[in-house]
Amino acid sequence: MAKKVYIQPGVWIVLIVLGLVGAYFGITALQKSGALGKLSSAVAPSGNQSSPGIKVTKVGGKAPLIVALNTWCGFAPGVYFNGGLSATENSRFVKEFGVPVQFIIMDNFDDSRNAFKADKVNVICNTADVLPTEAPSMASFRIKAFIQIDWSRGGDVIVARSGINNVGDLKGKTIALALGTPSQTLIIQTLESGEVQYAELKIKPMTTAMDAAVAFKNGQVDAAIVWSPDDEDCLKAQQGSKVLISTAKAKFAIADIFYAKEDYIQSHQKEIKAFTAGWLKAAAELNTNPSAKAQAQTLMATCFNVPENVMNLNNARFTTYGDNVNFFNLKPTNCNGVKGEELYTRMAIAFNKIGLASDNVPAWRTITDISILQSLAGDFTSPADAEEDCTSFATPTKIEKEQLKTAPAISTRRITINFPTGSWTVSDDAKYTINRDFVPTAKSFAGYKVRVEGNTDNVGTPAGNKALSQRRAQAVVDYLVRTYAFDPNRFVVVGNGQDNPVADNETEEGKAQNRRTDFELIQ
């Protein structure tokens, strides 16, 4: 242990005076020699103000586009295309587009926002799902999201201790998470899938997901939302613990985007267009070239000074031009996937309910600029630039079908769908209810199978009710497949008839509760 050193008060005064005198003469000497002016111009070339920790380098006399990053594997396309963080003549942004790009690592959220507001950083990242929490405070800067860069695909994970086997088991439990981050997005969407209210949890606020992992490993909480690969360490530290939900299967829950100020985009069209084109070109390369992906992973680990497993590029889907067309809803696409507007709007409502988003969250169309993507339409026409394939599932065997009928559910959402007596036709009202109460979960958790269980009250015969409930559950699945292009192999259809009541069939209210359709997420 280091020894403490104590200095008498009188000595402190002498040291301070000497320090001030030395600083005065030192600065005077630098001013006379011109060295101070040279130092300032090296740190902050024309067009970009300096900031502590930000050193900007011109390339060919051009000031670079400055982009703030935090430690996350999703930034691999840009760093790979740039050949590192610094703006250099060897960067492909320079060689192919004539635009230098400089990346700055800023893991502190407030520092990155302050640098952006002061024009020390030109482009900054957030997730579309969390953006509603900061968009109102950025209104005066007229921010515009212009590209989606990735979907989290395993980078965000909910780990839970032994005894917590499904979403319903989280009620009353203590959960560690970083507030106002994608961690909160994941827990909110997870709770919605299982009809658990956010207020029913005991939240332990943490500064980062890494801190949440430490709390879980130390046994301070029942569950935590962590970043990969910390989930592996959590499972090793807590015997019997498990991954409850992961964005590996909750494939469309968290989406990273870049935004800039509207004035900057309009005055720097060439730079923003080149940055977007280079990024999308690199995303296509990394998605289709394993060698390039391995090279990018090593480069990312080096640039961010972390182990390579922390920069596991398989934890993200690098979104292509086609993915962006889908995300920004530029034209009809093959898969009816999650659009940026619906993710943003959904989470604006959810964050507002828990007090993290105001009532005046700006509309998606007012904070997006699709002109850059539109201008690049003719440049991205290869198969590698296309949108991601629709999520598909293997056809289950007869044995697997039977096993899936009783497989443990991760979450259950009960929805009352009224059918006319003896009918299994899905009415317009029923469709509205399904669209509102289940489809958002089905889209976000696209990698999970769904068991649809039909249930009735006790009016009629048991055999008749069982057959009727089977037909009704199948009719619901048919509607989902036909309307949203979900893979039919994703669904497991079960007709329970009157065998699984959740209320007393002796009352009309109880009977109404029993005439329901259960939607369950299963592995």
Protein backbone atom coordinates (compact mmCIF):
# COMPACT_ATOMS: atom_id res chain seq x y z
CA MET A 1 0.00 0.00 0.00
CA ALA A 2 1.39 3.46 -0.87
CA LYS A 3 2.24 5.76 2.00
CA LYS A 4 0.30 9.00 2.48
CA VAL A 5 2.37 12.20 2.34
CA TYR A 6 1.32 15.23 4.38
CA ILE A 7 2.51 18.78 3.59
CA GLN A 8 2.31 21.61 6.09
CA PRO A 9 -0.02 24.55 5.19
CA GLY A 10 2.83 27.06 4.99
CA VAL A 11 4.68 24.95 2.47
CA TRP A 12 1.54 24.74 0.32
CA ILE A 13 1.43 28.53 -0.03
CA VAL A 14 5.05 28.71 -1.15
CA LEU A 15 4.54 25.95 -3.74
CA ILE A 16 1.45 27.63 -5.20
CA VAL A 17 3.18 31.00 -5.57
CA LEU A 18 6.21 29.38 -7.23
CA GLY A 19 3.91 27.47 -9.59
CA LEU A 20 2.03 30.60 -10.69
CA VAL A 21 5.25 32.51 -11.29
CA GLY A 22 6.70 29.65 -13.31
CA ALA A 23 3.56 29.34 -15.39
CA TYR A 24 3.57 33.08 -16.19
CA PHE A 25 7.16 33.12 -17.44
CA GLY A 26 6.67 29.82 -19.29
CA ILE A 27 3.65 31.07 -21.22
CA THR A 28 5.36 34.40 -21.96
CA ALA A 29 8.33 32.56 -23.42
CA LEU A 30 6.12 30.39 -25.59
CA GLN A 31 4.24 33.44 -26.87
CA LYS A 32 7.44 35.21 -27.80
CA SER A 33 8.80 32.18 -29.65
CA GLY A 34 5.54 31.50 -31.49
CA ALA A 35 5.48 27.92 -30.21
CA LEU A 36 2.12 28.35 -28.47
CA GLY A 37 0.45 29.37 -31.72
CA LYS A 38 1.95 26.39 -33.53
CA LEU A 39 0.71 24.05 -30.82
CA SER A 40 -2.86 25.39 -31.05
CA SER A 41 -3.04 25.10 -34.84
CA ALA A 42 -1.76 21.52 -34.71
CA VAL A 43 -4.47 20.50 -32.27
CA ALA A 44 -7.30 22.40 -33.91
CA PRO A 45 -7.01 23.06 -37.64
CA SER A 46 -9.39 25.44 -39.37
CA GLY A 47 -13.01 24.33 -39.18
CA ASN A 48 -12.73 22.25 -36.00
CA GLN A 49 -12.27 23.60 -32.50
CA SER A 50 -9.97 21.83 -30.09
CA SER A 51 -11.11 19.90 -27.03
CA PRO A 52 -9.18 18.14 -24.28
CA GLY A 53 -8.20 14.74 -25.60
CA ILE A 54 -9.10 15.56 -29.22
CA LYS A 55 -6.18 15.97 -31.61
CA VAL A 56 -7.16 16.65 -35.20
CA THR A 57 -4.93 16.08 -38.21
CA LYS A 58 -5.43 17.53 -41.67
CA VAL A 59 -4.90 15.34 -44.73
CA GLY A 60 -3.83 17.05 -47.92
CA GLY A 61 -4.81 20.35 -46.39
CA LYS A 62 -8.34 19.12 -45.65
CA ALA A 63 -9.83 19.05 -42.17
CA PRO A 64 -11.36 15.62 -41.47
CA LEU A 65 -14.91 14.70 -40.73
CA ILE A 66 -14.76 13.97 -37.00
CA VAL A 67 -16.86 11.09 -35.69
CA ALA A 68 -17.25 10.19 -32.00
CA LEU A 69 -17.35 6.48 -31.13
CA ASN A 70 -17.77 4.50 -27.95
CA THR A 71 -16.43 1.01 -27.30
CA TRP A 72 -18.67 -1.23 -29.42
CA CYS A 73 -18.03 -3.74 -32.19
CA GLY A 74 -20.69 -2.20 -34.43
CA PHE A 75 -18.28 0.52 -35.52
CA ALA A 76 -16.05 -1.99 -37.31
CA PRO A 77 -17.07 -1.04 -40.89
CA GLY A 78 -15.93 2.56 -40.50
CA VAL A 79 -12.71 1.79 -38.64
CA TYR A 80 -11.90 -0.98 -41.14
CA PHE A 81 -12.54 1.27 -44.15
CA ASN A 82 -10.46 4.03 -42.54
CA GLY A 83 -7.59 1.68 -41.68
CA GLY A 84 -7.78 2.79 -38.05
CA LEU A 85 -8.98 5.76 -36.06
CA SER A 86 -6.77 8.51 -37.50
CA ALA A 87 -7.26 10.47 -40.68
CA THR A 88 -4.46 9.44 -43.07
CA GLU A 89 -3.71 9.40 -46.78
CA ASN A 90 -3.97 5.59 -46.72
CA SER A 91 -7.60 5.66 -45.62
CA ARG A 92 -10.05 4.33 -48.20
CA PHE A 93 -12.30 7.27 -47.36
CA VAL A 94 -9.49 9.43 -48.76
CA LYS A 95 -8.40 7.16 -51.60
CA GLU A 96 -11.90 6.39 -52.92
CA PHE A 97 -13.81 9.54 -52.01
CA GLY A 98 -11.24 12.23 -51.24
CA VAL A 99 -12.65 12.81 -47.76
CA PRO A 100 -10.54 12.33 -44.61
CA VAL A 101 -12.32 10.85 -41.60
CA GLN A 102 -11.12 10.85 -38.02
CA PHE A 103 -12.66 8.72 -35.28
CA ILE A 104 -12.48 9.81 -31.65
CA ILE A 105 -13.18 7.35 -28.83
CA MET A 106 -15.46 9.03 -26.31
CA ASP A 107 -17.01 6.52 -23.94
CA ASN A 108 -18.31 9.23 -21.62
CA PHE A 109 -21.80 10.17 -22.85
CA ASP A 110 -21.76 13.75 -21.56
CA ASP A 111 -18.32 14.45 -23.01
CA SER A 112 -19.38 13.27 -26.45
CA ARG A 113 -22.56 15.38 -26.38
CA ASN A 114 -20.75 18.49 -25.20
CA ALA A 115 -18.15 18.05 -27.95
CA PHE A 116 -20.94 17.64 -30.52
CA LYS A 117 -22.80 20.73 -29.34
CA ALA A 118 -19.57 22.75 -29.52
CA ASP A 119 -18.83 21.56 -33.09
CA LYS A 120 -15.73 19.70 -31.97
CA VAL A 121 -17.35 16.50 -33.24
CA ASN A 122 -19.42 16.41 -36.44
CA VAL A 123 -21.11 12.99 -36.31
CA ILE A 124 -22.26 11.09 -33.26
CA CYS A 125 -23.96 7.79 -32.46
CA ASN A 126 -26.98 6.72 -30.47
CA THR A 127 -29.49 3.92 -30.79
CA ALA A 128 -32.81 4.65 -32.46
CA ASP A 129 -34.57 3.11 -29.48
CA VAL A 130 -32.85 5.35 -26.90
CA LEU A 131 -32.86 8.47 -29.08
CA PRO A 132 -36.28 9.59 -27.72
CA THR A 133 -34.64 10.23 -24.34
CA GLU A 134 -32.23 12.83 -25.77
CA ALA A 135 -33.94 14.12 -28.90
CA PRO A 136 -35.89 16.89 -27.07
CA SER A 137 -32.69 18.28 -25.52
CA MET A 138 -31.09 18.32 -28.99
CA ALA A 139 -33.98 20.19 -30.62
CA SER A 140 -32.08 23.47 -30.89
CA PHE A 141 -29.29 21.72 -32.80
CA ARG A 142 -31.72 20.24 -35.35
CA ILE A 143 -30.17 16.77 -35.37
CA LYS A 144 -30.76 14.42 -38.31
CA ALA A 145 -30.19 10.67 -38.33
CA PHE A 146 -28.87 9.74 -41.78
CA ILE A 147 -27.69 6.12 -41.56
CA GLN A 148 -28.37 2.97 -39.56
CA ILE A 149 -25.08 1.17 -38.88
CA ASP A 150 -26.12 -2.03 -37.13
CA TRP A 151 -28.52 -4.22 -35.19
CA SER A 152 -27.29 -5.67 -31.90
CA ARG A 153 -27.05 -9.45 -32.38
CA GLY A 154 -25.88 -10.86 -29.08
CA GLY A 155 -24.15 -7.77 -27.78
CA ASP A 156 -26.88 -7.13 -25.18
CA VAL A 157 -27.91 -9.90 -22.80
CA ILE A 158 -30.17 -10.42 -19.79
CA VAL A 159 -28.59 -12.87 -17.34
CA ALA A 160 -30.59 -14.27 -14.43
CA ARG A 161 -29.81 -16.32 -11.35
CA SER A 162 -30.99 -19.85 -10.68
CA GLY A 163 -34.75 -19.99 -10.14
CA ILE A 164 -35.60 -17.30 -12.69
CA ASN A 165 -36.74 -19.28 -15.70
CA ASN A 166 -39.02 -16.88 -17.55
CA VAL A 167 -40.00 -13.24 -17.77
CA GLY A 168 -42.80 -13.66 -15.22
CA ASP A 169 -40.23 -14.75 -12.65
CA LEU A 170 -38.65 -11.28 -12.78
CA LYS A 171 -41.53 -9.77 -10.80
CA GLY A 172 -40.27 -8.35 -7.53
CA LYS A 173 -36.65 -9.18 -8.36
CA THR A 174 -33.65 -6.84 -8.19
CA ILE A 175 -32.17 -6.10 -11.61
CA ALA A 176 -28.98 -4.16 -12.36
CA LEU A 177 -28.92 -2.06 -15.53
CA ALA A 178 -27.51 1.16 -16.94
CA LEU A 179 -30.36 3.67 -17.11
CA GLY A 180 -31.05 5.53 -20.34
CA THR A 181 -29.10 3.02 -22.44
CA PRO A 182 -30.01 0.13 -24.76
CA SER A 183 -29.95 -2.06 -21.64
CA GLN A 184 -33.16 -0.37 -20.61
CA THR A 185 -34.61 -0.86 -24.08
CA LEU A 186 -34.02 -4.60 -23.84
CA ILE A 187 -35.61 -4.99 -20.41
CA ILE A 188 -38.65 -2.88 -21.38
CA GLN A 189 -39.33 -4.92 -24.52
CA THR A 190 -38.74 -8.14 -22.62
CA LEU A 191 -41.25 -7.18 -19.94
CA GLU A 192 -43.84 -6.31 -22.58
CA SER A 193 -43.50 -9.81 -24.02
CA GLY A 194 -44.43 -11.30 -20.66
CA GLU A 195 -46.97 -8.82 -19.30
CA VAL A 196 -44.72 -7.67 -16.45
CA GLN A 197 -44.76 -4.01 -15.47
CA TYR A 198 -41.51 -2.06 -15.12
CA ALA A 199 -42.72 -0.84 -11.71
CA GLU A 200 -42.88 -4.47 -10.55
CA LEU A 201 -39.06 -4.71 -10.70
CA LYS A 202 -36.53 -3.48 -8.17
CA ILE A 203 -34.11 -1.55 -10.36
CA LYS A 204 -30.51 -1.16 -9.25
CA PRO A 205 -29.18 1.72 -11.38
CA MET A 206 -25.65 1.30 -12.71
CA THR A 207 -23.38 3.63 -14.65
CA THR A 208 -22.51 1.06 -17.32
CA ALA A 209 -23.41 -2.47 -18.36
CA MET A 210 -19.97 -3.53 -17.13
CA ASP A 211 -20.91 -2.35 -13.65
CA ALA A 212 -24.16 -4.32 -13.91
CA ALA A 213 -22.13 -7.44 -14.70
CA VAL A 214 -19.97 -6.92 -11.62
CA ALA A 215 -23.07 -6.57 -9.43
CA PHE A 216 -24.44 -9.84 -10.80
CA LYS A 217 -21.17 -11.73 -10.40
CA ASN A 218 -20.94 -10.53 -6.81
CA GLY A 219 -24.45 -11.80 -6.05
CA GLN A 220 -25.85 -8.32 -5.36
CA VAL A 221 -28.76 -8.68 -7.79
CA ASP A 222 -31.07 -11.36 -9.18
CA ALA A 223 -30.56 -10.39 -12.81
CA ALA A 224 -28.60 -7.92 -14.91
CA ILE A 225 -28.49 -6.53 -18.41
CA VAL A 226 -24.89 -6.87 -19.58
CA TRP A 227 -22.74 -6.64 -22.69
CA SER A 228 -21.11 -9.61 -24.32
CA PRO A 229 -18.68 -11.18 -23.46
CA ASP A 230 -19.46 -10.27 -19.84
CA ASP A 231 -22.44 -12.62 -19.99
CA GLU A 232 -20.05 -15.58 -20.16
CA ASP A 233 -18.22 -14.44 -17.03
CA CYS A 234 -21.55 -13.93 -15.26
CA LEU A 235 -22.67 -17.49 -15.96
CA LYS A 236 -19.35 -18.84 -14.68
CA ALA A 237 -19.52 -16.74 -11.51
CA GLN A 238 -23.08 -17.68 -10.52
CA GLN A 239 -23.82 -21.40 -10.40
CA GLY A 240 -27.06 -22.29 -12.18
CA SER A 241 -27.48 -18.84 -13.77
CA LYS A 242 -28.66 -18.53 -17.35
CA VAL A 243 -29.18 -16.24 -20.31
CA LEU A 244 -32.84 -15.24 -20.16
CA ILE A 245 -32.98 -13.05 -23.28
CA SER A 246 -30.30 -12.07 -25.80
CA THR A 247 -30.30 -9.82 -28.84
CA ALA A 248 -28.86 -12.82 -30.67
CA LYS A 249 -32.55 -13.77 -30.96
CA ALA A 250 -34.18 -10.46 -30.03
CA LYS A 251 -32.79 -9.45 -33.40
CA PHE A 252 -34.59 -6.17 -33.96
CA ALA A 253 -34.65 -4.64 -30.49
CA ILE A 254 -31.61 -2.33 -30.59
CA ALA A 255 -30.45 -0.35 -33.63
CA ASP A 256 -27.43 1.98 -33.79
CA ILE A 257 -27.65 5.09 -35.95
CA PHE A 258 -25.43 8.08 -36.74
CA TYR A 259 -26.71 11.63 -36.69
CA ALA A 260 -25.33 15.10 -37.41
CA LYS A 261 -26.62 18.64 -37.26
CA GLU A 262 -28.88 19.62 -40.13
CA ASP A 263 -26.70 22.65 -40.91
CA TYR A 264 -23.60 20.47 -41.11
CA ILE A 265 -25.24 17.95 -43.45
CA GLN A 266 -26.42 20.71 -45.77
CA SER A 267 -23.04 22.47 -45.84
CA HIS A 268 -20.96 19.28 -46.05
CA GLN A 269 -22.92 17.14 -48.50
CA LYS A 270 -19.77 15.68 -50.07
CA GLU A 271 -18.31 14.64 -46.71
CA ILE A 272 -21.50 13.07 -45.34
CA LYS A 273 -22.22 11.28 -48.61
CA ALA A 274 -18.66 9.92 -48.79
CA PHE A 275 -18.78 8.81 -45.17
CA THR A 276 -22.11 7.04 -45.69
CA ALA A 277 -21.02 5.38 -48.94
CA GLY A 278 -17.73 4.17 -47.49
CA TRP A 279 -19.42 2.82 -44.40
CA LEU A 280 -22.03 0.89 -46.37
CA LYS A 281 -19.40 -0.44 -48.76
CA ALA A 282 -17.38 -1.73 -45.81
CA ALA A 283 -20.48 -3.25 -44.15
CA ALA A 284 -21.14 -5.31 -47.28
CA GLU A 285 -17.52 -6.48 -47.36
CA LEU A 286 -17.48 -7.54 -43.71
CA ASN A 287 -20.79 -9.37 -44.06
CA THR A 288 -19.56 -11.44 -47.00
CA ASN A 289 -15.78 -11.76 -46.56
CA PRO A 290 -14.64 -13.76 -43.48
CA SER A 291 -11.02 -12.73 -44.02
CA ALA A 292 -11.93 -9.04 -44.01
CA LYS A 293 -14.06 -9.57 -40.92
CA ALA A 294 -11.18 -11.23 -39.06
CA GLN A 295 -8.89 -8.37 -40.08
CA ALA A 296 -11.43 -5.82 -38.87
CA GLN A 297 -11.83 -7.58 -35.52
CA THR A 298 -8.08 -7.46 -34.89
CA LEU A 299 -7.94 -3.82 -35.93
CA MET A 300 -10.84 -2.91 -33.64
CA ALA A 301 -9.25 -4.64 -30.66
CA THR A 302 -6.02 -2.76 -31.29
CA CYS A 303 -7.67 0.63 -31.77
CA PHE A 304 -9.88 0.32 -28.70
CA ASN A 305 -7.13 -1.40 -26.65
CA VAL A 306 -9.33 -4.33 -25.60
CA PRO A 307 -9.11 -8.13 -26.02
CA GLU A 308 -10.40 -9.44 -29.34
CA ASN A 309 -13.30 -11.30 -27.70
CA VAL A 310 -14.64 -7.94 -26.48
CA MET A 311 -14.76 -6.91 -30.14
CA ASN A 312 -16.57 -10.03 -31.33
CA LEU A 313 -17.97 -8.77 -34.62
CA ASN A 314 -20.59 -11.53 -34.61
CA ASN A 315 -22.41 -9.57 -31.90
CA ALA A 316 -23.75 -7.13 -34.50
CA ARG A 317 -25.39 -7.16 -37.91
CA PHE A 318 -23.62 -4.53 -40.02
CA THR A 319 -26.52 -2.99 -41.88
CA THR A 320 -26.23 -2.72 -45.67
CA TYR A 321 -27.77 -0.25 -48.07
CA GLY A 322 -30.76 -2.58 -48.43
CA ASP A 323 -31.14 -2.77 -44.66
CA ASN A 324 -31.14 1.03 -44.54
CA VAL A 325 -33.79 1.19 -47.25
CA ASN A 326 -35.93 -1.01 -45.03
CA PHE A 327 -35.09 0.84 -41.80
CA PHE A 328 -35.87 4.28 -43.21
CA ASN A 329 -38.87 2.90 -45.13
CA LEU A 330 -37.68 4.22 -48.48
CA LYS A 331 -39.58 1.60 -50.50
CA PRO A 332 -41.37 -1.75 -50.04
CA THR A 333 -38.99 -4.55 -49.09
CA ASN A 334 -39.06 -8.33 -49.04
CA CYS A 335 -39.47 -8.65 -45.29
CA ASN A 336 -41.85 -6.58 -43.21
CA GLY A 337 -39.16 -6.00 -40.59
CA VAL A 338 -38.84 -3.39 -37.87
CA LYS A 339 -38.67 0.14 -39.25
CA GLY A 340 -36.77 2.93 -37.53
CA GLU A 341 -39.92 4.96 -37.02
CA GLU A 342 -41.84 2.19 -35.29
CA LEU A 343 -38.90 1.32 -33.00
CA TYR A 344 -38.34 4.99 -32.14
CA THR A 345 -42.04 5.71 -31.57
CA ARG A 346 -42.61 2.55 -29.55
CA MET A 347 -39.72 3.35 -27.22
CA ALA A 348 -40.69 7.02 -26.94
CA ILE A 349 -43.98 5.87 -25.41
CA ALA A 350 -42.27 3.30 -23.21
CA PHE A 351 -39.60 5.70 -21.92
CA ASN A 352 -42.23 8.34 -21.30
CA LYS A 353 -44.15 5.94 -19.05
CA ILE A 354 -41.14 5.54 -16.77
CA GLY A 355 -40.20 9.22 -16.80
CA LEU A 356 -37.16 9.10 -19.08
CA ALA A 357 -38.71 10.73 -22.13
CA SER A 358 -40.69 13.95 -22.17
CA ASP A 359 -44.13 14.54 -23.65
CA ASN A 360 -42.63 16.50 -26.55
CA VAL A 361 -40.45 13.90 -28.22
CA PRO A 362 -40.08 15.05 -31.86
CA ALA A 363 -41.55 12.91 -34.61
CA TRP A 364 -39.20 10.52 -36.41
CA ARG A 365 -39.55 12.30 -39.75
CA THR A 366 -38.36 15.58 -38.20
CA ILE A 367 -35.08 14.09 -36.95
CA THR A 368 -34.11 12.03 -40.01
CA ASP A 369 -32.55 12.93 -43.35
CA ILE A 370 -33.06 10.34 -46.08
CA SER A 371 -31.60 12.45 -48.88
CA ILE A 372 -28.09 10.99 -48.53
CA LEU A 373 -29.35 7.41 -48.83
CA GLN A 374 -31.58 8.36 -51.73
CA SER A 375 -28.64 9.92 -53.58
CA LEU A 376 -26.70 6.64 -53.28
CA ALA A 377 -29.42 4.36 -54.66
CA GLY A 378 -27.65 3.61 -57.92
CA ASP A 379 -24.33 2.80 -56.24
CA PHE A 380 -25.47 -0.18 -54.17
CA THR A 381 -27.03 -2.80 -56.40
CA SER A 382 -24.97 -5.94 -55.78
CA PRO A 383 -26.30 -8.94 -53.81
CA ALA A 384 -23.97 -7.99 -50.92
CA ASP A 385 -25.79 -4.64 -50.63
CA ALA A 386 -29.24 -6.22 -50.36
CA GLU A 387 -31.26 -6.31 -47.19
CA GLU A 388 -30.82 -9.18 -44.78
CA ASP A 389 -32.70 -12.37 -45.57
CA CYS A 390 -35.98 -12.92 -43.76
CA THR A 391 -35.60 -14.87 -40.54
CA SER A 392 -36.27 -18.53 -41.25
CA PHE A 393 -36.70 -21.66 -39.16
CA ALA A 394 -36.06 -25.30 -39.95
CA THR A 395 -39.10 -27.48 -40.48
CA PRO A 396 -39.60 -29.39 -37.23
CA THR A 397 -39.94 -33.16 -37.21
CA LYS A 398 -43.05 -34.83 -35.79
CA ILE A 399 -41.20 -35.48 -32.54
CA GLU A 400 -39.99 -31.88 -32.35
CA LYS A 401 -43.53 -30.61 -32.97
CA GLU A 402 -44.80 -32.57 -29.98
CA GLN A 403 -41.92 -31.39 -27.81
CA LEU A 404 -42.50 -27.77 -28.76
CA LYS A 405 -46.13 -28.01 -27.64
CA THR A 406 -44.99 -28.39 -24.04
CA ALA A 407 -41.57 -26.70 -24.12
CA PRO A 408 -41.04 -24.15 -21.31
CA ALA A 409 -42.06 -20.64 -22.32
CA ILE A 410 -39.68 -17.72 -21.88
CA SER A 411 -42.62 -15.33 -21.78
CA THR A 412 -46.40 -15.46 -22.13
CA ARG A 413 -48.68 -12.72 -23.39
CA ARG A 414 -52.41 -13.37 -23.03
CA ILE A 415 -54.67 -11.55 -25.45
CA THR A 416 -58.45 -11.62 -25.53
CA ILE A 417 -59.60 -12.16 -29.10
CA ASN A 418 -63.33 -12.40 -29.59
CA PHE A 419 -64.59 -14.87 -32.19
CA PRO A 420 -68.25 -15.29 -33.15
CA THR A 421 -69.78 -18.40 -31.59
CA GLY A 422 -68.53 -21.51 -33.38
CA SER A 423 -66.37 -19.45 -35.75
CA TRP A 424 -62.62 -19.15 -36.21
CA THR A 425 -62.66 -16.15 -38.56
CA VAL A 426 -60.25 -13.42 -37.42
CA SER A 427 -62.28 -10.21 -37.38
CA ASP A 428 -60.93 -6.73 -38.06
CA ASP A 429 -61.16 -5.96 -34.33
CA ALA A 430 -59.16 -9.11 -33.58
CA LYS A 431 -56.54 -8.14 -36.15
CA TYR A 432 -56.22 -4.71 -34.56
CA THR A 433 -55.70 -6.30 -31.15
CA ILE A 434 -53.07 -8.71 -32.48
CA ASN A 435 -51.27 -5.90 -34.32
CA ARG A 436 -51.20 -3.72 -31.22
CA ASP A 437 -50.50 -6.24 -28.47
CA PHE A 438 -48.33 -8.91 -30.07
CA VAL A 439 -46.83 -7.97 -33.42
CA PRO A 440 -44.24 -5.52 -31.98
CA THR A 441 -42.89 -8.34 -29.80
CA ALA A 442 -42.96 -10.82 -32.69
CA LYS A 443 -40.92 -8.44 -34.84
CA SER A 444 -38.36 -7.47 -32.20
CA PHE A 445 -37.85 -11.04 -30.95
CA ALA A 446 -37.66 -12.42 -34.46
CA GLY A 447 -35.28 -15.24 -33.60
CA TYR A 448 -37.60 -16.91 -31.08
CA LYS A 449 -40.24 -19.45 -31.93
CA VAL A 450 -43.81 -18.58 -31.01
CA ARG A 451 -46.39 -20.94 -29.55
CA VAL A 452 -49.95 -19.80 -30.17
CA GLU A 453 -52.45 -21.46 -27.83
CA GLY A 454 -56.19 -21.18 -28.31
CA ASN A 455 -58.39 -21.36 -25.20
CA THR A 456 -62.15 -21.37 -24.54
CA ASP A 457 -64.55 -21.20 -21.66
CA ASN A 458 -66.53 -24.31 -20.62
CA VAL A 459 -69.59 -23.68 -22.79
CA GLY A 460 -69.97 -26.65 -25.17
CA THR A 461 -68.35 -30.04 -25.15
CA PRO A 462 -64.67 -30.56 -24.23
CA ALA A 463 -63.94 -32.25 -27.56
CA GLY A 464 -65.73 -29.55 -29.55
CA ASN A 465 -63.97 -26.76 -27.67
CA LYS A 466 -60.58 -28.38 -28.20
CA ALA A 467 -61.09 -28.62 -31.97
CA LEU A 468 -62.49 -25.08 -32.14
CA SER A 469 -59.58 -23.59 -30.17
CA GLN A 470 -57.10 -25.37 -32.48
CA ARG A 471 -58.76 -23.85 -35.55
CA ARG A 472 -58.79 -20.39 -33.96
CA ALA A 473 -55.09 -20.57 -33.03
CA GLN A 474 -54.26 -21.69 -36.57
CA ALA A 475 -56.34 -18.84 -38.01
CA VAL A 476 -54.30 -16.36 -35.94
CA VAL A 477 -51.04 -17.89 -37.21
CA ASP A 478 -52.30 -17.79 -40.79
CA TYR A 479 -53.06 -14.08 -40.38
CA LEU A 480 -49.56 -13.36 -39.00
CA VAL A 481 -47.83 -15.31 -41.78
CA ARG A 482 -49.94 -13.75 -44.51
CA THR A 483 -49.67 -10.17 -43.23
CA TYR A 484 -46.12 -10.00 -41.85
CA ALA A 485 -44.27 -12.64 -43.89
CA PHE A 486 -43.27 -14.56 -40.78
CA ASP A 487 -41.94 -18.06 -41.47
CA PRO A 488 -44.75 -20.61 -40.85
CA ASN A 489 -42.14 -22.93 -39.27
CA ARG A 490 -41.70 -20.37 -36.52
CA PHE A 491 -45.12 -21.13 -35.04
CA VAL A 492 -46.39 -23.94 -32.86
CA VAL A 493 -50.19 -24.23 -32.81
CA VAL A 494 -51.96 -25.66 -29.76
CA GLY A 495 -55.66 -25.98 -29.05
CA ASN A 496 -56.28 -26.26 -25.29
CA GLY A 497 -60.03 -25.97 -25.46
CA GLN A 498 -61.37 -25.47 -21.94
CA ASP A 499 -58.52 -27.34 -20.23
CA ASN A 500 -56.38 -24.32 -19.20
CA PRO A 501 -58.66 -21.73 -17.56
CA VAL A 502 -57.11 -18.68 -15.91
CA ALA A 503 -60.33 -17.59 -14.23
CA ASP A 504 -63.56 -19.02 -12.79
CA ASN A 505 -65.97 -20.26 -15.47
CA GLU A 506 -68.88 -19.68 -13.10
CA THR A 507 -68.99 -15.96 -13.93
CA GLU A 508 -69.33 -14.14 -17.24
CA GLU A 509 -66.21 -12.14 -16.43
CA GLY A 510 -64.26 -15.32 -15.79
CA LYS A 511 -65.51 -16.91 -18.98
CA ALA A 512 -64.40 -13.86 -20.96
CA GLN A 513 -60.88 -14.16 -19.52
CA ASN A 514 -60.76 -17.81 -20.49
CA ARG A 515 -61.70 -17.08 -24.09
CA ARG A 516 -58.19 -15.98 -24.91
CA THR A 517 -55.20 -16.61 -27.14
CA ASP A 518 -51.81 -17.08 -25.48
CA PHE A 519 -48.66 -16.02 -27.34
CA GLU A 520 -45.54 -17.60 -25.87
CA LEU A 521 -41.89 -17.14 -26.83
CA ILE A 522 -39.96 -20.41 -26.78
CA GLN A 523 -36.41 -21.38 -27.74
